[in-house]
Amino acid sequence: MSFPLPYPLPVAFLSECGTADGSLALLEQAVCTATGPTGLGIIAVYSFLIAFILPLPSEVVLVPAETLRLGLSTNGNLAAIILFSAFGKALGSLFAFHIGQEAKEYGPLVRRIKESRFDLIEWSERKTVQIAKKYGYVGLALALCVPFFPDTLSIYAFTVLEEDYFRFGAATFFGSAGRLLVTLGLAGGTLALL
């Protein structure tokens, strides 16, 4: 059974590949033009980096699905992309998790960030605490399924609250894979309406 794909694939839904500026644009372009097994490595590294430091869209990894040249169908390419991206993001989130665990021990750093004029920690902690209290790690996975929402904030806020590396990694893996599947579903529905 084959998953029906919208054509042209998510590029139309994402509007275009090239949302980043400067040196980040080179990284994003490398993902958009990724081919072969090296391309899967680029996708995994990109996903690793966006999990803990880069404010770039996760959904861009779907762009090379039709041109990846792995000897698979487009559906096979999508499955490989989703797995490699989710794996990369899970590893990146574990790195962020480790940083969050270390930050808990360095109260002055967290206090200084909370006192900044952008108080992102308070906002993301408040939202993440609500989700975590109600749904736990399933809540993190569900929060990460929301397309086009920067997940770095959710990941870092959740790292301060939890201590289980395995569950955290699993939640980010499934949340990241779910996000790409939701994006494909939205792309298919949006393009079907056109």
N, C-alpha and C. Protein backbone atom coordinates (compact mmCIF):
# COMPACT_ATOMS: atom_id res chain seq x y z
N MET A 1 0.85 -1.18 0.00
CA MET A 1 0.00 0.00 0.00
C MET A 1 0.89 1.24 0.00
N SER A 2 0.59 2.17 -0.82
CA SER A 2 1.41 3.36 -0.99
C SER A 2 0.68 4.58 -0.43
N PHE A 3 1.44 5.42 0.27
CA PHE A 3 0.89 6.65 0.82
C PHE A 3 0.75 7.66 -0.33
N PRO A 4 -0.46 8.15 -0.62
CA PRO A 4 -0.61 9.09 -1.73
C PRO A 4 0.09 10.41 -1.42
N LEU A 5 0.94 10.82 -2.34
CA LEU A 5 1.72 12.04 -2.11
C LEU A 5 1.19 13.20 -2.92
N PRO A 6 1.21 14.39 -2.34
CA PRO A 6 0.88 15.59 -3.10
C PRO A 6 2.04 15.93 -4.03
N TYR A 7 1.75 16.40 -5.21
CA TYR A 7 2.81 16.80 -6.14
C TYR A 7 2.62 18.24 -6.53
N PRO A 8 3.65 19.04 -6.54
CA PRO A 8 4.98 18.70 -6.07
C PRO A 8 4.99 18.57 -4.56
N LEU A 9 5.80 17.67 -4.08
CA LEU A 9 5.85 17.33 -2.66
C LEU A 9 5.88 18.58 -1.78
N PRO A 10 6.26 18.54 -0.54
CA PRO A 10 6.08 19.64 0.39
C PRO A 10 6.67 20.99 -0.01
N VAL A 11 7.44 21.06 -1.09
CA VAL A 11 8.01 22.35 -1.48
C VAL A 11 6.89 23.38 -1.64
N ALA A 12 5.80 23.00 -2.27
CA ALA A 12 4.68 23.93 -2.46
C ALA A 12 4.08 24.33 -1.12
N PHE A 13 3.98 23.38 -0.20
CA PHE A 13 3.41 23.66 1.11
C PHE A 13 4.34 24.54 1.94
N LEU A 14 5.64 24.30 1.81
CA LEU A 14 6.62 25.09 2.55
C LEU A 14 6.88 26.42 1.87
N SER A 15 6.33 26.63 0.74
CA SER A 15 6.45 27.77 -0.15
C SER A 15 7.77 27.73 -0.89
N GLU A 16 8.86 27.62 -0.23
CA GLU A 16 10.14 27.48 -0.91
C GLU A 16 11.20 27.06 0.09
N CYS A 17 12.26 26.51 -0.42
CA CYS A 17 13.38 26.16 0.43
C CYS A 17 14.31 27.35 0.45
N GLY A 18 14.52 27.91 1.58
CA GLY A 18 15.38 29.07 1.68
C GLY A 18 14.83 30.08 2.67
N THR A 19 14.46 29.62 3.84
CA THR A 19 13.91 30.52 4.84
C THR A 19 15.02 31.17 5.67
N ALA A 20 16.23 30.59 5.62
CA ALA A 20 17.33 31.09 6.44
C ALA A 20 18.15 32.14 5.71
N ASP A 21 18.91 32.91 6.48
CA ASP A 21 19.80 33.93 5.93
C ASP A 21 21.25 33.57 6.26
N GLY A 22 22.17 34.17 5.55
CA GLY A 22 23.59 34.05 5.84
C GLY A 22 24.11 32.63 5.75
N SER A 23 24.97 32.27 6.69
CA SER A 23 25.59 30.95 6.67
C SER A 23 24.57 29.83 6.93
N LEU A 24 23.48 30.15 7.63
CA LEU A 24 22.44 29.14 7.85
C LEU A 24 21.76 28.76 6.54
N ALA A 25 21.73 29.69 5.60
CA ALA A 25 21.13 29.41 4.29
C ALA A 25 21.89 28.30 3.59
N LEU A 26 23.20 28.25 3.76
CA LEU A 26 24.00 27.18 3.14
C LEU A 26 23.62 25.82 3.70
N LEU A 27 23.44 25.76 5.01
CA LEU A 27 23.04 24.50 5.65
C LEU A 27 21.65 24.08 5.18
N GLU A 28 20.73 25.01 5.15
CA GLU A 28 19.38 24.70 4.71
C GLU A 28 19.37 24.26 3.25
N GLN A 29 20.17 24.92 2.41
CA GLN A 29 20.25 24.54 1.00
C GLN A 29 20.86 23.16 0.84
N ALA A 30 21.83 22.81 1.69
CA ALA A 30 22.43 21.48 1.65
C ALA A 30 21.37 20.42 1.93
N VAL A 31 20.46 20.71 2.85
CA VAL A 31 19.37 19.77 3.15
C VAL A 31 18.42 19.67 1.97
N CYS A 32 18.07 20.80 1.39
CA CYS A 32 17.10 20.82 0.29
C CYS A 32 17.61 20.12 -0.97
N THR A 33 18.91 20.06 -1.12
CA THR A 33 19.49 19.42 -2.31
C THR A 33 20.19 18.11 -1.97
N ALA A 34 19.94 17.57 -0.80
CA ALA A 34 20.59 16.34 -0.35
C ALA A 34 20.28 15.17 -1.27
N THR A 35 21.30 14.36 -1.53
CA THR A 35 21.11 13.16 -2.34
C THR A 35 21.92 12.01 -1.75
N GLY A 36 21.44 10.80 -1.98
CA GLY A 36 22.16 9.60 -1.58
C GLY A 36 22.29 9.43 -0.08
N PRO A 37 23.09 8.44 0.31
CA PRO A 37 23.32 8.19 1.74
C PRO A 37 23.94 9.40 2.45
N THR A 38 24.79 10.15 1.75
CA THR A 38 25.36 11.36 2.34
C THR A 38 24.26 12.36 2.64
N GLY A 39 23.26 12.42 1.77
CA GLY A 39 22.12 13.31 1.98
C GLY A 39 21.37 12.96 3.25
N LEU A 40 21.23 11.66 3.52
CA LEU A 40 20.58 11.25 4.77
C LEU A 40 21.42 11.69 5.98
N GLY A 41 22.74 11.64 5.84
CA GLY A 41 23.62 12.12 6.90
C GLY A 41 23.45 13.61 7.12
N ILE A 42 23.33 14.37 6.04
CA ILE A 42 23.12 15.81 6.13
C ILE A 42 21.80 16.10 6.84
N ILE A 43 20.77 15.35 6.49
CA ILE A 43 19.45 15.51 7.12
C ILE A 43 19.54 15.21 8.62
N ALA A 44 20.27 14.15 8.99
CA ALA A 44 20.41 13.80 10.40
C ALA A 44 21.17 14.89 11.16
N VAL A 45 22.26 15.41 10.57
CA VAL A 45 23.04 16.45 11.23
C VAL A 45 22.21 17.73 11.37
N TYR A 46 21.49 18.10 10.32
CA TYR A 46 20.61 19.28 10.37
C TYR A 46 19.59 19.12 11.51
N SER A 47 18.97 17.95 11.58
CA SER A 47 17.97 17.70 12.62
C SER A 47 18.60 17.73 14.01
N PHE A 48 19.82 17.21 14.14
CA PHE A 48 20.56 17.26 15.40
C PHE A 48 20.74 18.72 15.82
N LEU A 49 21.19 19.55 14.89
CA LEU A 49 21.47 20.95 15.20
C LEU A 49 20.22 21.76 15.53
N ILE A 50 19.12 21.50 14.82
CA ILE A 50 17.91 22.29 15.11
C ILE A 50 17.26 21.88 16.42
N ALA A 51 17.62 20.72 16.94
CA ALA A 51 17.04 20.29 18.22
C ALA A 51 17.57 21.12 19.38
N PHE A 52 18.79 21.63 19.27
CA PHE A 52 19.31 22.32 20.44
C PHE A 52 19.88 23.71 20.18
N ILE A 53 20.05 24.11 18.92
CA ILE A 53 20.66 25.42 18.74
C ILE A 53 20.13 26.24 17.58
N LEU A 54 19.75 25.63 16.48
CA LEU A 54 19.38 26.40 15.29
C LEU A 54 17.88 26.65 15.19
N PRO A 55 17.49 27.90 14.97
CA PRO A 55 16.06 28.23 14.84
C PRO A 55 15.59 28.07 13.39
N LEU A 56 15.71 26.88 12.86
CA LEU A 56 15.31 26.62 11.48
C LEU A 56 14.16 25.61 11.45
N PRO A 57 13.39 25.60 10.37
CA PRO A 57 12.23 24.69 10.31
C PRO A 57 12.63 23.22 10.10
N SER A 58 12.02 22.35 10.85
CA SER A 58 12.24 20.91 10.73
C SER A 58 11.72 20.38 9.40
N GLU A 59 10.66 20.97 8.93
CA GLU A 59 9.93 20.43 7.77
C GLU A 59 10.73 20.47 6.48
N VAL A 60 11.78 21.27 6.42
CA VAL A 60 12.61 21.38 5.21
C VAL A 60 13.21 20.03 4.83
N VAL A 61 13.39 19.13 5.78
CA VAL A 61 14.00 17.84 5.46
C VAL A 61 13.15 17.03 4.48
N LEU A 62 11.89 17.37 4.35
CA LEU A 62 11.01 16.64 3.43
C LEU A 62 11.23 17.02 1.97
N VAL A 63 11.84 18.15 1.73
CA VAL A 63 11.99 18.67 0.37
C VAL A 63 12.67 17.69 -0.58
N PRO A 64 13.79 17.04 -0.20
CA PRO A 64 14.47 16.17 -1.18
C PRO A 64 13.86 14.77 -1.35
N ALA A 65 12.66 14.55 -0.88
CA ALA A 65 12.07 13.20 -0.94
C ALA A 65 12.02 12.61 -2.34
N GLU A 66 11.76 13.43 -3.34
CA GLU A 66 11.64 12.92 -4.70
C GLU A 66 12.98 12.83 -5.42
N THR A 67 14.00 13.50 -4.90
CA THR A 67 15.29 13.56 -5.59
C THR A 67 16.43 12.97 -4.77
N LEU A 68 16.13 12.24 -3.73
CA LEU A 68 17.16 11.75 -2.81
C LEU A 68 18.09 10.70 -3.44
N ARG A 69 17.62 9.99 -4.43
CA ARG A 69 18.40 8.99 -5.16
C ARG A 69 18.99 7.91 -4.26
N LEU A 70 18.13 7.22 -3.56
CA LEU A 70 18.54 6.09 -2.73
C LEU A 70 18.17 4.76 -3.38
N GLY A 71 17.56 4.82 -4.55
CA GLY A 71 17.09 3.60 -5.19
C GLY A 71 15.76 3.13 -4.63
N LEU A 72 15.09 4.01 -3.91
CA LEU A 72 13.79 3.70 -3.31
C LEU A 72 12.71 4.53 -4.00
N SER A 73 11.49 4.15 -3.77
CA SER A 73 10.38 4.98 -4.24
C SER A 73 10.35 6.27 -3.44
N THR A 74 9.52 7.21 -3.85
CA THR A 74 9.38 8.45 -3.08
C THR A 74 8.92 8.13 -1.66
N ASN A 75 8.01 7.17 -1.53
CA ASN A 75 7.55 6.77 -0.19
C ASN A 75 8.69 6.19 0.62
N GLY A 76 9.54 5.39 -0.01
CA GLY A 76 10.71 4.84 0.67
C GLY A 76 11.67 5.94 1.10
N ASN A 77 11.88 6.91 0.20
CA ASN A 77 12.72 8.06 0.55
C ASN A 77 12.14 8.81 1.74
N LEU A 78 10.82 9.02 1.74
CA LEU A 78 10.17 9.71 2.86
C LEU A 78 10.37 8.96 4.17
N ALA A 79 10.22 7.64 4.12
CA ALA A 79 10.41 6.84 5.33
C ALA A 79 11.85 6.98 5.84
N ALA A 80 12.83 6.92 4.93
CA ALA A 80 14.23 7.08 5.33
C ALA A 80 14.48 8.47 5.90
N ILE A 81 13.93 9.49 5.25
CA ILE A 81 14.10 10.87 5.73
C ILE A 81 13.51 11.02 7.13
N ILE A 82 12.31 10.51 7.32
CA ILE A 82 11.64 10.64 8.62
C ILE A 82 12.46 9.93 9.71
N LEU A 83 12.95 8.73 9.42
CA LEU A 83 13.74 7.99 10.41
C LEU A 83 15.06 8.70 10.73
N PHE A 84 15.78 9.14 9.70
CA PHE A 84 17.06 9.81 9.93
C PHE A 84 16.87 11.15 10.62
N SER A 85 15.85 11.88 10.23
CA SER A 85 15.58 13.17 10.86
C SER A 85 15.18 12.98 12.32
N ALA A 86 14.30 12.04 12.59
CA ALA A 86 13.86 11.79 13.98
C ALA A 86 15.03 11.31 14.83
N PHE A 87 15.89 10.46 14.27
CA PHE A 87 17.06 9.99 15.00
C PHE A 87 18.00 11.16 15.30
N GLY A 88 18.27 12.00 14.30
CA GLY A 88 19.13 13.17 14.51
C GLY A 88 18.57 14.11 15.56
N LYS A 89 17.25 14.35 15.48
CA LYS A 89 16.64 15.26 16.45
C LYS A 89 16.64 14.65 17.85
N ALA A 90 16.45 13.35 17.94
CA ALA A 90 16.49 12.69 19.26
C ALA A 90 17.89 12.83 19.87
N LEU A 91 18.93 12.64 19.06
CA LEU A 91 20.30 12.80 19.57
C LEU A 91 20.55 14.25 19.97
N GLY A 92 20.10 15.19 19.15
CA GLY A 92 20.26 16.61 19.48
C GLY A 92 19.51 16.98 20.74
N SER A 93 18.34 16.41 20.92
CA SER A 93 17.56 16.72 22.12
C SER A 93 18.23 16.12 23.36
N LEU A 94 18.88 14.97 23.20
CA LEU A 94 19.60 14.40 24.33
C LEU A 94 20.80 15.28 24.71
N PHE A 95 21.42 15.88 23.71
CA PHE A 95 22.50 16.83 23.98
C PHE A 95 21.92 18.03 24.73
N ALA A 96 20.79 18.54 24.26
CA ALA A 96 20.11 19.65 24.95
C ALA A 96 19.70 19.23 26.36
N PHE A 97 19.25 18.00 26.49
CA PHE A 97 18.83 17.47 27.79
C PHE A 97 20.02 17.49 28.75
N HIS A 98 21.17 17.08 28.26
CA HIS A 98 22.38 17.09 29.10
C HIS A 98 22.73 18.52 29.52
N ILE A 99 22.64 19.46 28.57
CA ILE A 99 22.90 20.86 28.88
C ILE A 99 21.90 21.36 29.93
N GLY A 100 20.63 20.97 29.78
CA GLY A 100 19.61 21.37 30.75
C GLY A 100 19.87 20.81 32.13
N GLN A 101 20.35 19.57 32.18
CA GLN A 101 20.67 18.97 33.48
C GLN A 101 21.83 19.71 34.13
N GLU A 102 22.82 20.09 33.33
CA GLU A 102 23.95 20.86 33.85
C GLU A 102 23.49 22.25 34.30
N ALA A 103 22.59 22.86 33.53
CA ALA A 103 22.11 24.21 33.86
C ALA A 103 21.37 24.23 35.19
N LYS A 104 20.70 23.12 35.53
CA LYS A 104 20.01 23.06 36.81
C LYS A 104 20.98 23.24 37.97
N GLU A 105 22.22 22.81 37.75
CA GLU A 105 23.23 22.92 38.79
C GLU A 105 23.85 24.31 38.85
N TYR A 106 23.67 25.08 37.79
CA TYR A 106 24.23 26.43 37.72
C TYR A 106 23.11 27.45 37.77
N GLY A 107 22.53 27.60 38.95
CA GLY A 107 21.42 28.51 39.16
C GLY A 107 21.62 29.91 38.64
N PRO A 108 22.82 30.50 38.78
CA PRO A 108 23.01 31.88 38.30
C PRO A 108 22.76 32.03 36.79
N LEU A 109 23.13 31.03 36.01
CA LEU A 109 22.90 31.09 34.56
C LEU A 109 21.41 31.13 34.27
N VAL A 110 20.66 30.22 34.86
CA VAL A 110 19.21 30.18 34.64
C VAL A 110 18.57 31.46 35.16
N ARG A 111 19.03 31.94 36.33
CA ARG A 111 18.49 33.18 36.90
C ARG A 111 18.74 34.36 35.96
N ARG A 112 19.93 34.44 35.37
CA ARG A 112 20.27 35.53 34.46
C ARG A 112 19.37 35.49 33.21
N ILE A 113 19.14 34.30 32.69
CA ILE A 113 18.27 34.16 31.51
C ILE A 113 16.84 34.57 31.87
N LYS A 114 16.38 34.17 33.05
CA LYS A 114 15.02 34.53 33.47
C LYS A 114 14.86 36.03 33.64
N GLU A 115 15.93 36.71 34.01
CA GLU A 115 15.87 38.16 34.22
C GLU A 115 16.02 38.95 32.94
N SER A 116 16.33 38.27 31.84
CA SER A 116 16.48 38.98 30.57
C SER A 116 15.14 39.53 30.13
N ARG A 117 15.18 40.49 29.23
CA ARG A 117 13.94 41.13 28.81
C ARG A 117 13.06 40.23 27.95
N PHE A 118 13.59 39.11 27.46
CA PHE A 118 12.82 38.22 26.61
C PHE A 118 12.23 37.04 27.36
N ASP A 119 12.46 36.86 28.57
CA ASP A 119 11.91 35.84 29.44
C ASP A 119 11.27 34.65 28.73
N LEU A 120 12.00 34.09 27.76
CA LEU A 120 11.51 32.93 27.03
C LEU A 120 11.39 31.71 27.92
N ILE A 121 12.27 31.63 28.89
CA ILE A 121 12.24 30.46 29.77
C ILE A 121 10.93 30.41 30.54
N GLU A 122 10.50 31.54 31.09
CA GLU A 122 9.26 31.55 31.86
C GLU A 122 8.08 31.12 31.00
N TRP A 123 7.99 31.70 29.78
CA TRP A 123 6.87 31.36 28.90
C TRP A 123 6.90 29.89 28.50
N SER A 124 8.06 29.41 28.04
CA SER A 124 8.13 28.02 27.59
C SER A 124 8.01 27.05 28.76
N GLU A 125 8.57 27.42 29.93
CA GLU A 125 8.42 26.55 31.10
C GLU A 125 6.96 26.45 31.50
N ARG A 126 6.26 27.59 31.48
CA ARG A 126 4.85 27.58 31.88
C ARG A 126 4.05 26.65 30.97
N LYS A 127 4.23 26.82 29.66
CA LYS A 127 3.49 25.98 28.72
C LYS A 127 3.92 24.52 28.83
N THR A 128 5.22 24.28 28.92
CA THR A 128 5.72 22.92 28.98
C THR A 128 5.33 22.25 30.29
N VAL A 129 5.36 23.00 31.39
CA VAL A 129 4.96 22.43 32.67
C VAL A 129 3.50 22.00 32.61
N GLN A 130 2.66 22.82 31.99
CA GLN A 130 1.24 22.45 31.85
C GLN A 130 1.11 21.14 31.07
N ILE A 131 1.82 21.05 29.96
CA ILE A 131 1.76 19.84 29.14
C ILE A 131 2.37 18.65 29.88
N ALA A 132 3.53 18.87 30.52
CA ALA A 132 4.22 17.79 31.22
C ALA A 132 3.40 17.25 32.38
N LYS A 133 2.77 18.16 33.13
CA LYS A 133 1.96 17.71 34.27
C LYS A 133 0.76 16.89 33.80
N LYS A 134 0.20 17.31 32.70
CA LYS A 134 -1.00 16.63 32.24
C LYS A 134 -0.69 15.35 31.47
N TYR A 135 0.36 15.39 30.61
CA TYR A 135 0.60 14.27 29.71
C TYR A 135 1.98 13.63 29.81
N GLY A 136 2.89 14.20 30.59
CA GLY A 136 4.23 13.64 30.74
C GLY A 136 4.99 13.62 29.41
N TYR A 137 5.73 12.55 29.20
CA TYR A 137 6.54 12.45 27.98
C TYR A 137 5.68 12.36 26.72
N VAL A 138 4.49 11.85 26.86
CA VAL A 138 3.56 11.83 25.72
C VAL A 138 3.23 13.27 25.33
N GLY A 139 3.12 14.14 26.32
CA GLY A 139 2.87 15.56 26.05
C GLY A 139 4.00 16.20 25.28
N LEU A 140 5.25 15.85 25.63
CA LEU A 140 6.39 16.37 24.88
C LEU A 140 6.33 15.91 23.44
N ALA A 141 6.06 14.62 23.24
CA ALA A 141 5.96 14.09 21.87
C ALA A 141 4.85 14.79 21.11
N LEU A 142 3.71 15.02 21.75
CA LEU A 142 2.60 15.71 21.08
C LEU A 142 2.95 17.16 20.76
N ALA A 143 3.64 17.83 21.69
CA ALA A 143 4.04 19.22 21.44
C ALA A 143 5.00 19.30 20.26
N LEU A 144 5.86 18.31 20.11
CA LEU A 144 6.81 18.31 19.01
C LEU A 144 6.17 17.95 17.67
N CYS A 145 4.95 17.46 17.70
CA CYS A 145 4.23 17.11 16.46
C CYS A 145 3.64 18.34 15.76
N VAL A 146 3.68 19.49 16.39
CA VAL A 146 3.07 20.69 15.83
C VAL A 146 3.99 21.26 14.74
N PRO A 147 3.56 21.21 13.48
CA PRO A 147 4.41 21.71 12.38
C PRO A 147 4.67 23.21 12.47
N PHE A 148 5.85 23.60 12.03
CA PHE A 148 6.26 24.99 11.90
C PHE A 148 6.35 25.74 13.22
N PHE A 149 6.35 25.04 14.34
CA PHE A 149 6.53 25.67 15.65
C PHE A 149 7.95 25.35 16.11
N PRO A 150 8.71 26.35 16.56
CA PRO A 150 10.09 26.08 16.99
C PRO A 150 10.11 25.15 18.20
N ASP A 151 10.67 23.98 18.01
CA ASP A 151 10.64 23.00 19.09
C ASP A 151 11.81 23.12 20.04
N THR A 152 12.80 23.95 19.74
CA THR A 152 13.95 24.11 20.61
C THR A 152 13.52 24.60 22.00
N LEU A 153 12.57 25.54 22.04
CA LEU A 153 12.09 26.04 23.33
C LEU A 153 11.44 24.94 24.16
N SER A 154 10.60 24.14 23.52
CA SER A 154 9.93 23.06 24.25
C SER A 154 10.95 22.05 24.77
N ILE A 155 11.92 21.73 23.93
CA ILE A 155 12.94 20.75 24.33
C ILE A 155 13.70 21.27 25.55
N TYR A 156 14.18 22.51 25.49
CA TYR A 156 14.95 23.04 26.62
C TYR A 156 14.10 23.19 27.87
N ALA A 157 12.88 23.65 27.73
CA ALA A 157 12.03 23.80 28.90
C ALA A 157 11.78 22.44 29.55
N PHE A 158 11.58 21.43 28.75
CA PHE A 158 11.31 20.10 29.28
C PHE A 158 12.55 19.51 29.94
N THR A 159 13.75 19.88 29.47
CA THR A 159 14.98 19.33 30.05
C THR A 159 15.15 19.73 31.51
N VAL A 160 14.65 20.89 31.86
CA VAL A 160 14.79 21.36 33.23
C VAL A 160 13.85 20.60 34.16
N LEU A 161 12.79 20.04 33.61
CA LEU A 161 11.77 19.39 34.43
C LEU A 161 12.01 17.90 34.63
N GLU A 162 12.68 17.26 33.72
CA GLU A 162 12.77 15.81 33.74
C GLU A 162 14.20 15.31 33.89
N GLU A 163 14.35 14.01 34.15
CA GLU A 163 15.68 13.45 34.37
C GLU A 163 15.90 12.13 33.65
N ASP A 164 14.95 11.62 32.93
CA ASP A 164 15.07 10.31 32.29
C ASP A 164 15.51 10.46 30.84
N TYR A 165 16.78 10.18 30.57
CA TYR A 165 17.33 10.34 29.23
C TYR A 165 16.62 9.47 28.20
N PHE A 166 16.38 8.20 28.54
CA PHE A 166 15.77 7.28 27.58
C PHE A 166 14.37 7.73 27.17
N ARG A 167 13.54 8.05 28.14
CA ARG A 167 12.17 8.49 27.83
C ARG A 167 12.17 9.81 27.07
N PHE A 168 13.07 10.70 27.44
CA PHE A 168 13.17 11.99 26.76
C PHE A 168 13.55 11.77 25.29
N GLY A 169 14.57 10.94 25.06
CA GLY A 169 14.99 10.64 23.68
C GLY A 169 13.89 9.98 22.88
N ALA A 170 13.18 9.04 23.49
CA ALA A 170 12.08 8.36 22.79
C ALA A 170 10.96 9.34 22.46
N ALA A 171 10.62 10.22 23.40
CA ALA A 171 9.56 11.21 23.16
C ALA A 171 9.93 12.13 22.01
N THR A 172 11.19 12.58 21.97
CA THR A 172 11.58 13.48 20.89
C THR A 172 11.67 12.74 19.56
N PHE A 173 12.06 11.48 19.57
CA PHE A 173 12.09 10.70 18.33
C PHE A 173 10.69 10.58 17.75
N PHE A 174 9.74 10.12 18.57
CA PHE A 174 8.38 9.93 18.07
C PHE A 174 7.69 11.26 17.76
N GLY A 175 7.97 12.29 18.56
CA GLY A 175 7.40 13.61 18.27
C GLY A 175 7.93 14.18 16.97
N SER A 176 9.21 13.99 16.70
CA SER A 176 9.81 14.49 15.47
C SER A 176 9.28 13.75 14.25
N ALA A 177 9.17 12.44 14.35
CA ALA A 177 8.60 11.66 13.25
C ALA A 177 7.14 12.05 13.04
N GLY A 178 6.40 12.21 14.13
CA GLY A 178 5.00 12.61 14.04
C GLY A 178 4.83 13.96 13.39
N ARG A 179 5.72 14.88 13.69
CA ARG A 179 5.66 16.23 13.10
C ARG A 179 5.77 16.16 11.58
N LEU A 180 6.68 15.34 11.09
CA LEU A 180 6.85 15.23 9.64
C LEU A 180 5.65 14.54 8.99
N LEU A 181 5.08 13.56 9.68
CA LEU A 181 3.88 12.91 9.15
C LEU A 181 2.69 13.87 9.14
N VAL A 182 2.55 14.66 10.20
CA VAL A 182 1.48 15.66 10.24
C VAL A 182 1.67 16.68 9.11
N THR A 183 2.92 17.10 8.90
CA THR A 183 3.22 18.06 7.82
C THR A 183 2.83 17.49 6.47
N LEU A 184 3.17 16.22 6.23
CA LEU A 184 2.79 15.58 4.97
C LEU A 184 1.27 15.52 4.82
N GLY A 185 0.58 15.21 5.92
CA GLY A 185 -0.87 15.17 5.88
C GLY A 185 -1.47 16.54 5.59
N LEU A 186 -0.92 17.57 6.21
CA LEU A 186 -1.40 18.95 5.95
C LEU A 186 -1.09 19.35 4.52
N ALA A 187 0.10 18.99 4.04
CA ALA A 187 0.47 19.34 2.66
C ALA A 187 -0.48 18.67 1.68
N GLY A 188 -0.80 17.41 1.93
CA GLY A 188 -1.73 16.70 1.05
C GLY A 188 -3.12 17.31 1.08
N GLY A 189 -3.58 17.67 2.27
CA GLY A 189 -4.91 18.28 2.38
C GLY A 189 -4.97 19.66 1.78
N THR A 190 -3.92 20.45 1.97
CA THR A 190 -3.88 21.80 1.42
C THR A 190 -3.83 21.77 -0.10
N LEU A 191 -2.98 20.92 -0.63
CA LEU A 191 -2.85 20.86 -2.08
C LEU A 191 -4.09 20.26 -2.75
N ALA A 192 -4.77 19.38 -2.02
CA ALA A 192 -6.00 18.80 -2.57
C ALA A 192 -7.09 19.86 -2.71
N LEU A 193 -7.03 20.87 -1.85
CA LEU A 193 -8.03 21.94 -1.90
C LEU A 193 -7.78 22.91 -3.07
N LEU A 194 -6.53 22.95 -3.57
CA LEU A 194 -6.19 23.89 -4.64
C LEU A 194 -6.73 23.48 -5.98
